[in-house]
Amino acid sequence: MASPIAATAPYWVPALSMLLILRRIRRNFGVQPWRPVRSGFRLGILVLAAAMLGVLGAFQPQLALGLGIGAVLGALLGLLALKHTHVAWRDGRRTYTPNPWIGGALTALLLGRLAWRYTHEGFAAAQAPSALTMGMATVLIGYSLVYVVGLMVQMRRLALQASPLSDTPSSSPSA
């Protein structure tokens, strides 16, 4: 007899996945409030996921090339996204506006791979991960790591620019 969790997984796993994807889509558009605690928590999870992918690449060499290419592509996309992200103060809070094209493209990549895997391979847990799937996962993890760290740096700069110390003149005229 299957456990209730295993028996109902085909129903709630896709629903939970769609909820997470909808949250991701929403974060790609419009002005977003800066939440430093949430970003720190996200960074910790991303570092853990990246470390796990690194260990996976070390123990399964057939995945290493896909993981490496995915990490490089993700880091480059993260840097490009940071270049096109605008940070500002709005109503006394730090905010950022991400580039919707880059985030939308990454979301489309994720949705496309999920759809392909579901329609062609199913979601069987016993399947070995493919280099393509792990490469795409690494693109998303690498992008997110670079983007979150870069956004933290930009927000710190924004806060320092608004501090009272930065309002003092850098040089005063001599009389």
N, C-alpha and C. Protein backbone atom coordinates (compact mmCIF):
# COMPACT_ATOMS: atom_id res chain seq x y z
N MET A 1 0.85 -1.19 0.00
CA MET A 1 0.00 0.00 0.00
C MET A 1 0.89 1.25 0.00
N ALA A 2 0.57 2.18 -0.88
CA ALA A 2 1.35 3.41 -0.99
C ALA A 2 0.95 4.38 0.12
N SER A 3 1.90 5.18 0.52
CA SER A 3 1.60 6.20 1.53
C SER A 3 0.69 7.26 0.92
N PRO A 4 -0.07 7.98 1.75
CA PRO A 4 -0.95 9.03 1.22
C PRO A 4 -0.18 10.11 0.46
N ILE A 5 1.04 10.40 0.89
CA ILE A 5 1.83 11.42 0.21
C ILE A 5 2.20 10.94 -1.19
N ALA A 6 2.68 9.70 -1.29
CA ALA A 6 3.07 9.16 -2.59
C ALA A 6 1.85 8.99 -3.51
N ALA A 7 0.73 8.63 -2.95
CA ALA A 7 -0.47 8.41 -3.75
C ALA A 7 -1.03 9.71 -4.33
N THR A 8 -0.85 10.80 -3.61
CA THR A 8 -1.40 12.08 -4.07
C THR A 8 -0.37 12.96 -4.77
N ALA A 9 0.88 12.53 -4.80
CA ALA A 9 1.95 13.33 -5.41
C ALA A 9 1.67 13.73 -6.86
N PRO A 10 1.10 12.85 -7.69
CA PRO A 10 0.83 13.28 -9.07
C PRO A 10 -0.12 14.48 -9.17
N TYR A 11 -0.83 14.80 -8.11
CA TYR A 11 -1.76 15.92 -8.13
C TYR A 11 -1.16 17.18 -7.52
N TRP A 12 -0.48 17.05 -6.38
CA TRP A 12 0.00 18.27 -5.72
C TRP A 12 1.38 18.70 -6.17
N VAL A 13 2.21 17.82 -6.69
CA VAL A 13 3.54 18.23 -7.16
C VAL A 13 3.42 19.19 -8.35
N PRO A 14 2.62 18.87 -9.39
CA PRO A 14 2.47 19.85 -10.48
C PRO A 14 1.84 21.16 -10.02
N ALA A 15 0.88 21.09 -9.10
CA ALA A 15 0.25 22.32 -8.60
C ALA A 15 1.26 23.18 -7.85
N LEU A 16 2.07 22.57 -7.02
CA LEU A 16 3.10 23.30 -6.28
C LEU A 16 4.14 23.88 -7.25
N SER A 17 4.52 23.09 -8.25
CA SER A 17 5.47 23.58 -9.25
C SER A 17 4.92 24.80 -9.97
N MET A 18 3.66 24.77 -10.35
CA MET A 18 3.06 25.91 -11.05
C MET A 18 2.99 27.13 -10.15
N LEU A 19 2.71 26.94 -8.87
CA LEU A 19 2.69 28.07 -7.94
C LEU A 19 4.07 28.73 -7.86
N LEU A 20 5.11 27.92 -7.77
CA LEU A 20 6.46 28.47 -7.71
C LEU A 20 6.84 29.18 -9.01
N ILE A 21 6.41 28.63 -10.13
CA ILE A 21 6.70 29.26 -11.42
C ILE A 21 5.94 30.58 -11.55
N LEU A 22 4.68 30.62 -11.11
CA LEU A 22 3.92 31.87 -11.15
C LEU A 22 4.57 32.95 -10.29
N ARG A 23 5.10 32.56 -9.13
CA ARG A 23 5.82 33.52 -8.29
C ARG A 23 7.05 34.03 -9.00
N ARG A 24 7.75 33.14 -9.69
CA ARG A 24 8.94 33.55 -10.45
C ARG A 24 8.58 34.51 -11.56
N ILE A 25 7.51 34.23 -12.27
CA ILE A 25 7.06 35.10 -13.36
C ILE A 25 6.73 36.49 -12.82
N ARG A 26 6.04 36.55 -11.70
CA ARG A 26 5.64 37.83 -11.12
C ARG A 26 6.85 38.68 -10.73
N ARG A 27 7.94 38.01 -10.31
CA ARG A 27 9.15 38.76 -9.92
C ARG A 27 9.92 39.30 -11.11
N ASN A 28 9.54 38.93 -12.32
CA ASN A 28 10.25 39.39 -13.51
C ASN A 28 9.72 40.71 -14.05
N PHE A 29 8.59 41.18 -13.57
CA PHE A 29 7.95 42.34 -14.18
C PHE A 29 7.66 43.41 -13.14
N GLY A 30 7.96 44.66 -13.51
CA GLY A 30 7.61 45.80 -12.68
C GLY A 30 8.56 46.03 -11.53
N VAL A 31 8.25 47.05 -10.77
CA VAL A 31 9.07 47.45 -9.63
C VAL A 31 8.89 46.43 -8.50
N GLN A 32 10.02 45.97 -7.97
CA GLN A 32 10.01 44.97 -6.90
C GLN A 32 10.60 45.58 -5.63
N PRO A 33 9.98 45.37 -4.49
CA PRO A 33 10.59 45.87 -3.24
C PRO A 33 11.80 45.04 -2.87
N TRP A 34 12.81 45.67 -2.32
CA TRP A 34 14.01 44.97 -1.88
C TRP A 34 13.75 44.39 -0.51
N ARG A 35 13.92 43.10 -0.39
CA ARG A 35 13.73 42.39 0.88
C ARG A 35 15.04 41.70 1.23
N PRO A 36 15.88 42.35 2.04
CA PRO A 36 17.22 41.82 2.30
C PRO A 36 17.22 40.46 3.01
N VAL A 37 16.30 40.23 3.94
CA VAL A 37 16.28 38.95 4.65
C VAL A 37 15.91 37.83 3.69
N ARG A 38 14.90 38.06 2.89
CA ARG A 38 14.47 37.06 1.91
C ARG A 38 15.60 36.79 0.91
N SER A 39 16.30 37.84 0.50
CA SER A 39 17.41 37.67 -0.44
C SER A 39 18.56 36.90 0.20
N GLY A 40 18.84 37.14 1.45
CA GLY A 40 19.88 36.38 2.15
C GLY A 40 19.52 34.92 2.28
N PHE A 41 18.26 34.65 2.58
CA PHE A 41 17.78 33.27 2.67
C PHE A 41 17.88 32.61 1.31
N ARG A 42 17.47 33.32 0.26
CA ARG A 42 17.55 32.79 -1.11
C ARG A 42 19.00 32.51 -1.48
N LEU A 43 19.91 33.40 -1.10
CA LEU A 43 21.32 33.21 -1.40
C LEU A 43 21.84 31.94 -0.73
N GLY A 44 21.46 31.72 0.51
CA GLY A 44 21.89 30.50 1.22
C GLY A 44 21.41 29.24 0.53
N ILE A 45 20.16 29.24 0.09
CA ILE A 45 19.62 28.07 -0.61
C ILE A 45 20.33 27.88 -1.95
N LEU A 46 20.60 28.98 -2.65
CA LEU A 46 21.29 28.88 -3.94
C LEU A 46 22.71 28.35 -3.79
N VAL A 47 23.41 28.79 -2.76
CA VAL A 47 24.77 28.29 -2.52
C VAL A 47 24.72 26.79 -2.23
N LEU A 48 23.75 26.37 -1.43
CA LEU A 48 23.59 24.95 -1.13
C LEU A 48 23.28 24.16 -2.40
N ALA A 49 22.39 24.67 -3.23
CA ALA A 49 22.04 23.98 -4.48
C ALA A 49 23.25 23.93 -5.42
N ALA A 50 24.00 25.01 -5.51
CA ALA A 50 25.20 25.02 -6.36
C ALA A 50 26.23 24.01 -5.86
N ALA A 51 26.39 23.93 -4.55
CA ALA A 51 27.33 22.96 -3.98
C ALA A 51 26.89 21.53 -4.29
N MET A 52 25.59 21.29 -4.18
CA MET A 52 25.08 19.95 -4.49
C MET A 52 25.29 19.61 -5.97
N LEU A 53 25.09 20.58 -6.85
CA LEU A 53 25.34 20.35 -8.28
C LEU A 53 26.82 20.10 -8.55
N GLY A 54 27.68 20.81 -7.83
CA GLY A 54 29.12 20.58 -7.96
C GLY A 54 29.51 19.18 -7.53
N VAL A 55 28.95 18.71 -6.44
CA VAL A 55 29.22 17.35 -5.97
C VAL A 55 28.68 16.34 -6.99
N LEU A 56 27.50 16.61 -7.53
CA LEU A 56 26.93 15.73 -8.54
C LEU A 56 27.85 15.63 -9.76
N GLY A 57 28.40 16.75 -10.18
CA GLY A 57 29.32 16.76 -11.31
C GLY A 57 30.60 16.00 -11.01
N ALA A 58 31.04 16.04 -9.76
CA ALA A 58 32.26 15.32 -9.38
C ALA A 58 32.04 13.81 -9.37
N PHE A 59 30.86 13.37 -8.98
CA PHE A 59 30.58 11.94 -8.89
C PHE A 59 29.97 11.35 -10.16
N GLN A 60 29.44 12.20 -11.03
CA GLN A 60 28.89 11.73 -12.30
C GLN A 60 29.52 12.53 -13.44
N PRO A 61 30.69 12.10 -13.88
CA PRO A 61 31.44 12.88 -14.87
C PRO A 61 30.69 13.12 -16.18
N GLN A 62 29.72 12.28 -16.52
CA GLN A 62 28.95 12.49 -17.75
C GLN A 62 28.08 13.74 -17.67
N LEU A 63 27.87 14.26 -16.47
CA LEU A 63 27.09 15.47 -16.28
C LEU A 63 27.96 16.72 -16.14
N ALA A 64 29.26 16.53 -15.95
CA ALA A 64 30.15 17.65 -15.63
C ALA A 64 30.17 18.71 -16.73
N LEU A 65 30.20 18.31 -17.99
CA LEU A 65 30.26 19.28 -19.07
C LEU A 65 28.98 20.13 -19.11
N GLY A 66 27.84 19.49 -18.99
CA GLY A 66 26.57 20.23 -18.96
C GLY A 66 26.49 21.18 -17.78
N LEU A 67 26.97 20.72 -16.63
CA LEU A 67 26.96 21.57 -15.43
C LEU A 67 27.89 22.77 -15.61
N GLY A 68 29.07 22.53 -16.17
CA GLY A 68 30.03 23.62 -16.36
C GLY A 68 29.53 24.66 -17.36
N ILE A 69 29.03 24.19 -18.50
CA ILE A 69 28.50 25.12 -19.50
C ILE A 69 27.31 25.89 -18.93
N GLY A 70 26.44 25.20 -18.21
CA GLY A 70 25.28 25.86 -17.60
C GLY A 70 25.69 26.92 -16.60
N ALA A 71 26.72 26.63 -15.80
CA ALA A 71 27.18 27.61 -14.80
C ALA A 71 27.73 28.86 -15.47
N VAL A 72 28.52 28.67 -16.53
CA VAL A 72 29.10 29.83 -17.23
C VAL A 72 28.00 30.65 -17.89
N LEU A 73 27.09 29.98 -18.59
CA LEU A 73 25.98 30.71 -19.24
C LEU A 73 25.11 31.44 -18.22
N GLY A 74 24.84 30.77 -17.10
CA GLY A 74 24.03 31.40 -16.05
C GLY A 74 24.70 32.62 -15.47
N ALA A 75 26.01 32.53 -15.22
CA ALA A 75 26.75 33.67 -14.67
C ALA A 75 26.75 34.84 -15.66
N LEU A 76 26.95 34.54 -16.94
CA LEU A 76 26.93 35.61 -17.95
C LEU A 76 25.55 36.25 -18.05
N LEU A 77 24.51 35.45 -18.01
CA LEU A 77 23.14 36.01 -18.03
C LEU A 77 22.87 36.84 -16.78
N GLY A 78 23.39 36.40 -15.64
CA GLY A 78 23.22 37.16 -14.41
C GLY A 78 23.88 38.53 -14.50
N LEU A 79 25.09 38.56 -15.06
CA LEU A 79 25.79 39.84 -15.24
C LEU A 79 25.04 40.75 -16.21
N LEU A 80 24.53 40.18 -17.30
CA LEU A 80 23.75 40.96 -18.26
C LEU A 80 22.48 41.50 -17.61
N ALA A 81 21.82 40.68 -16.83
CA ALA A 81 20.60 41.11 -16.15
C ALA A 81 20.90 42.24 -15.16
N LEU A 82 22.01 42.14 -14.45
CA LEU A 82 22.37 43.20 -13.50
C LEU A 82 22.63 44.52 -14.22
N LYS A 83 23.22 44.43 -15.39
CA LYS A 83 23.50 45.64 -16.17
C LYS A 83 22.20 46.35 -16.57
N HIS A 84 21.13 45.58 -16.73
CA HIS A 84 19.85 46.14 -17.16
C HIS A 84 18.81 46.22 -16.04
N THR A 85 19.26 46.13 -14.80
CA THR A 85 18.37 46.27 -13.64
C THR A 85 18.53 47.67 -13.07
N HIS A 86 17.43 48.29 -12.77
CA HIS A 86 17.45 49.65 -12.21
C HIS A 86 17.09 49.58 -10.73
N VAL A 87 17.93 50.19 -9.89
CA VAL A 87 17.64 50.28 -8.46
C VAL A 87 17.34 51.73 -8.12
N ALA A 88 16.43 51.93 -7.18
CA ALA A 88 16.04 53.29 -6.81
C ALA A 88 15.32 53.26 -5.47
N TRP A 89 15.20 54.46 -4.91
CA TRP A 89 14.37 54.65 -3.72
C TRP A 89 12.96 54.98 -4.19
N ARG A 90 11.98 54.37 -3.60
CA ARG A 90 10.58 54.66 -3.92
C ARG A 90 9.79 54.59 -2.61
N ASP A 91 9.16 55.70 -2.26
CA ASP A 91 8.37 55.78 -1.03
C ASP A 91 9.19 55.37 0.20
N GLY A 92 10.46 55.79 0.21
CA GLY A 92 11.32 55.52 1.36
C GLY A 92 11.86 54.10 1.42
N ARG A 93 11.66 53.31 0.39
CA ARG A 93 12.15 51.93 0.37
C ARG A 93 13.02 51.70 -0.85
N ARG A 94 13.99 50.82 -0.69
CA ARG A 94 14.81 50.45 -1.84
C ARG A 94 14.01 49.50 -2.73
N THR A 95 14.06 49.75 -4.03
CA THR A 95 13.36 48.92 -4.99
C THR A 95 14.27 48.63 -6.17
N TYR A 96 13.89 47.64 -6.94
CA TYR A 96 14.61 47.35 -8.18
C TYR A 96 13.60 46.96 -9.25
N THR A 97 13.98 47.24 -10.49
CA THR A 97 13.16 46.88 -11.63
C THR A 97 13.99 45.97 -12.52
N PRO A 98 13.66 44.66 -12.53
CA PRO A 98 14.45 43.73 -13.34
C PRO A 98 14.11 43.87 -14.82
N ASN A 99 15.02 43.40 -15.66
CA ASN A 99 14.77 43.37 -17.09
C ASN A 99 13.80 42.23 -17.38
N PRO A 100 12.62 42.54 -17.91
CA PRO A 100 11.62 41.48 -18.11
C PRO A 100 12.00 40.49 -19.20
N TRP A 101 12.82 40.89 -20.16
CA TRP A 101 13.17 39.99 -21.26
C TRP A 101 14.07 38.86 -20.79
N ILE A 102 15.03 39.15 -19.96
CA ILE A 102 15.95 38.12 -19.49
C ILE A 102 15.22 37.16 -18.55
N GLY A 103 14.49 37.72 -17.61
CA GLY A 103 13.73 36.87 -16.69
C GLY A 103 12.68 36.05 -17.43
N GLY A 104 12.03 36.66 -18.42
CA GLY A 104 11.03 35.94 -19.20
C GLY A 104 11.65 34.81 -20.00
N ALA A 105 12.84 35.04 -20.56
CA ALA A 105 13.52 34.00 -21.33
C ALA A 105 13.91 32.82 -20.43
N LEU A 106 14.40 33.12 -19.23
CA LEU A 106 14.75 32.04 -18.31
C LEU A 106 13.52 31.27 -17.84
N THR A 107 12.42 31.97 -17.63
CA THR A 107 11.19 31.30 -17.25
C THR A 107 10.68 30.42 -18.40
N ALA A 108 10.78 30.91 -19.63
CA ALA A 108 10.39 30.11 -20.79
C ALA A 108 11.27 28.86 -20.91
N LEU A 109 12.57 29.01 -20.63
CA LEU A 109 13.47 27.87 -20.64
C LEU A 109 13.03 26.83 -19.61
N LEU A 110 12.72 27.28 -18.42
CA LEU A 110 12.28 26.38 -17.36
C LEU A 110 10.98 25.69 -17.74
N LEU A 111 10.01 26.46 -18.19
CA LEU A 111 8.71 25.88 -18.56
C LEU A 111 8.85 24.91 -19.73
N GLY A 112 9.67 25.28 -20.71
CA GLY A 112 9.88 24.40 -21.85
C GLY A 112 10.49 23.07 -21.46
N ARG A 113 11.51 23.11 -20.60
CA ARG A 113 12.14 21.86 -20.18
C ARG A 113 11.19 21.03 -19.33
N LEU A 114 10.41 21.67 -18.45
CA LEU A 114 9.43 20.92 -17.66
C LEU A 114 8.39 20.27 -18.56
N ALA A 115 7.91 21.01 -19.54
CA ALA A 115 6.90 20.46 -20.46
C ALA A 115 7.49 19.30 -21.25
N TRP A 116 8.70 19.45 -21.76
CA TRP A 116 9.35 18.38 -22.50
C TRP A 116 9.52 17.14 -21.64
N ARG A 117 10.02 17.35 -20.44
CA ARG A 117 10.26 16.21 -19.55
C ARG A 117 8.95 15.53 -19.20
N TYR A 118 7.91 16.30 -18.96
CA TYR A 118 6.62 15.71 -18.59
C TYR A 118 6.00 14.94 -19.76
N THR A 119 6.03 15.52 -20.95
CA THR A 119 5.36 14.87 -22.09
C THR A 119 6.18 13.74 -22.69
N HIS A 120 7.50 13.76 -22.56
CA HIS A 120 8.32 12.73 -23.19
C HIS A 120 8.92 11.73 -22.21
N GLU A 121 9.16 12.15 -21.01
CA GLU A 121 9.84 11.28 -20.06
C GLU A 121 9.02 11.01 -18.80
N GLY A 122 8.02 11.80 -18.54
CA GLY A 122 7.29 11.68 -17.29
C GLY A 122 8.10 12.24 -16.14
N PHE A 123 7.56 12.20 -14.95
CA PHE A 123 8.27 12.71 -13.78
C PHE A 123 8.69 11.57 -12.86
N ALA A 124 9.04 10.45 -13.43
CA ALA A 124 9.43 9.31 -12.62
C ALA A 124 10.70 9.64 -11.83
N ALA A 125 10.64 9.40 -10.55
CA ALA A 125 11.78 9.72 -9.68
C ALA A 125 12.97 8.80 -9.95
N ALA A 126 12.72 7.63 -10.54
CA ALA A 126 13.79 6.66 -10.76
C ALA A 126 14.68 7.02 -11.94
N GLN A 127 14.28 8.00 -12.74
CA GLN A 127 15.08 8.36 -13.91
C GLN A 127 16.37 9.06 -13.49
N ALA A 128 17.43 8.71 -14.19
CA ALA A 128 18.70 9.38 -13.95
C ALA A 128 18.63 10.78 -14.58
N PRO A 129 19.24 11.76 -13.95
CA PRO A 129 19.22 13.12 -14.53
C PRO A 129 20.02 13.15 -15.83
N SER A 130 19.52 13.87 -16.81
CA SER A 130 20.26 14.01 -18.07
C SER A 130 21.17 15.23 -17.97
N ALA A 131 22.19 15.25 -18.84
CA ALA A 131 23.12 16.38 -18.86
C ALA A 131 22.38 17.66 -19.25
N LEU A 132 21.38 17.55 -20.14
CA LEU A 132 20.61 18.72 -20.55
C LEU A 132 19.81 19.29 -19.38
N THR A 133 19.14 18.43 -18.65
CA THR A 133 18.35 18.89 -17.49
C THR A 133 19.26 19.53 -16.44
N MET A 134 20.37 18.89 -16.14
CA MET A 134 21.29 19.44 -15.14
C MET A 134 21.95 20.72 -15.63
N GLY A 135 22.23 20.80 -16.93
CA GLY A 135 22.78 22.03 -17.49
C GLY A 135 21.81 23.18 -17.36
N MET A 136 20.53 22.92 -17.66
CA MET A 136 19.51 23.97 -17.54
C MET A 136 19.32 24.38 -16.09
N ALA A 137 19.35 23.41 -15.19
CA ALA A 137 19.24 23.74 -13.77
C ALA A 137 20.41 24.61 -13.34
N THR A 138 21.59 24.31 -13.85
CA THR A 138 22.77 25.08 -13.49
C THR A 138 22.73 26.48 -14.09
N VAL A 139 22.13 26.63 -15.26
CA VAL A 139 21.95 27.97 -15.83
C VAL A 139 21.11 28.80 -14.85
N LEU A 140 20.00 28.23 -14.39
CA LEU A 140 19.12 28.97 -13.48
C LEU A 140 19.79 29.26 -12.14
N ILE A 141 20.51 28.28 -11.61
CA ILE A 141 21.20 28.48 -10.32
C ILE A 141 22.32 29.51 -10.48
N GLY A 142 23.13 29.38 -11.54
CA GLY A 142 24.22 30.33 -11.76
C GLY A 142 23.71 31.74 -11.97
N TYR A 143 22.66 31.88 -12.76
CA TYR A 143 22.04 33.19 -12.98
C TYR A 143 21.57 33.78 -11.65
N SER A 144 20.85 32.98 -10.90
CA SER A 144 20.28 33.48 -9.64
C SER A 144 21.36 33.87 -8.64
N LEU A 145 22.42 33.07 -8.56
CA LEU A 145 23.52 33.40 -7.64
C LEU A 145 24.15 34.74 -8.00
N VAL A 146 24.52 34.90 -9.25
CA VAL A 146 25.16 36.14 -9.68
C VAL A 146 24.20 37.31 -9.51
N TYR A 147 22.95 37.12 -9.86
CA TYR A 147 21.97 38.20 -9.78
C TYR A 147 21.71 38.63 -8.34
N VAL A 148 21.52 37.67 -7.44
CA VAL A 148 21.24 38.02 -6.04
C VAL A 148 22.44 38.72 -5.41
N VAL A 149 23.64 38.20 -5.63
CA VAL A 149 24.84 38.83 -5.05
C VAL A 149 25.02 40.23 -5.64
N GLY A 150 24.87 40.36 -6.95
CA GLY A 150 25.00 41.68 -7.59
C GLY A 150 23.95 42.66 -7.12
N LEU A 151 22.74 42.17 -6.92
CA LEU A 151 21.68 43.04 -6.43
C LEU A 151 21.96 43.49 -4.99
N MET A 152 22.52 42.60 -4.19
CA MET A 152 22.90 42.98 -2.82
C MET A 152 23.94 44.09 -2.86
N VAL A 153 24.91 43.98 -3.74
CA VAL A 153 25.95 45.01 -3.87
C VAL A 153 25.33 46.33 -4.32
N GLN A 154 24.45 46.29 -5.33
CA GLN A 154 23.81 47.51 -5.80
C GLN A 154 22.95 48.16 -4.72
N MET A 155 22.25 47.36 -3.94
CA MET A 155 21.40 47.91 -2.88
C MET A 155 22.24 48.51 -1.76
N ARG A 156 23.38 47.90 -1.48
CA ARG A 156 24.28 48.47 -0.47
C ARG A 156 24.81 49.82 -0.93
N ARG A 157 25.18 49.91 -2.21
CA ARG A 157 25.64 51.19 -2.77
C ARG A 157 24.53 52.23 -2.70
N LEU A 158 23.32 51.83 -3.02
CA LEU A 158 22.19 52.76 -2.99
C LEU A 158 21.96 53.27 -1.57
N ALA A 159 22.07 52.40 -0.59
CA ALA A 159 21.89 52.81 0.81
C ALA A 159 23.01 53.74 1.25
N LEU A 160 24.24 53.47 0.81
CA LEU A 160 25.36 54.34 1.18
C LEU A 160 25.25 55.72 0.55
N GLN A 161 24.72 55.78 -0.67
CA GLN A 161 24.53 57.07 -1.34
C GLN A 161 23.50 57.92 -0.60
N ALA A 162 22.55 57.30 0.04
CA ALA A 162 21.50 58.04 0.73
C ALA A 162 21.84 58.31 2.20
N SER A 163 22.98 57.81 2.66
CA SER A 163 23.33 58.01 4.07
C SER A 163 23.73 59.47 4.30
N PRO A 164 23.61 59.96 5.55
CA PRO A 164 23.96 61.34 5.85
C PRO A 164 25.43 61.65 5.57
N LEU A 165 26.32 60.66 5.66
CA LEU A 165 27.73 60.91 5.43
C LEU A 165 28.00 61.27 3.96
N SER A 166 27.19 60.74 3.06
CA SER A 166 27.43 61.02 1.65
C SER A 166 26.91 62.40 1.25
N ASP A 167 26.16 63.07 2.12
CA ASP A 167 25.65 64.41 1.80
C ASP A 167 26.67 65.50 2.07
N THR A 168 27.77 65.14 2.74
CA THR A 168 28.77 66.16 3.02
C THR A 168 29.57 66.44 1.75
N PRO A 169 29.91 67.69 1.52
CA PRO A 169 30.67 68.02 0.30
C PRO A 169 32.04 67.36 0.35
N SER A 170 32.50 66.92 -0.82
CA SER A 170 33.81 66.24 -0.87
C SER A 170 34.95 67.23 -0.75
N SER A 171 34.75 68.44 -1.19
CA SER A 171 35.80 69.45 -1.02
C SER A 171 35.13 70.80 -0.75
N SER A 172 35.74 71.57 0.10
CA SER A 172 35.17 72.88 0.38
C SER A 172 36.11 73.93 -0.16
N PRO A 173 35.55 75.01 -0.69
CA PRO A 173 36.41 76.07 -1.25
C PRO A 173 37.18 76.77 -0.14
N SER A 174 38.40 77.11 -0.42
CA SER A 174 39.26 77.83 0.52
C SER A 174 39.06 79.32 0.33
N ALA A 175 39.07 80.06 1.43
CA ALA A 175 38.89 81.52 1.32
C ALA A 175 40.17 82.25 1.40
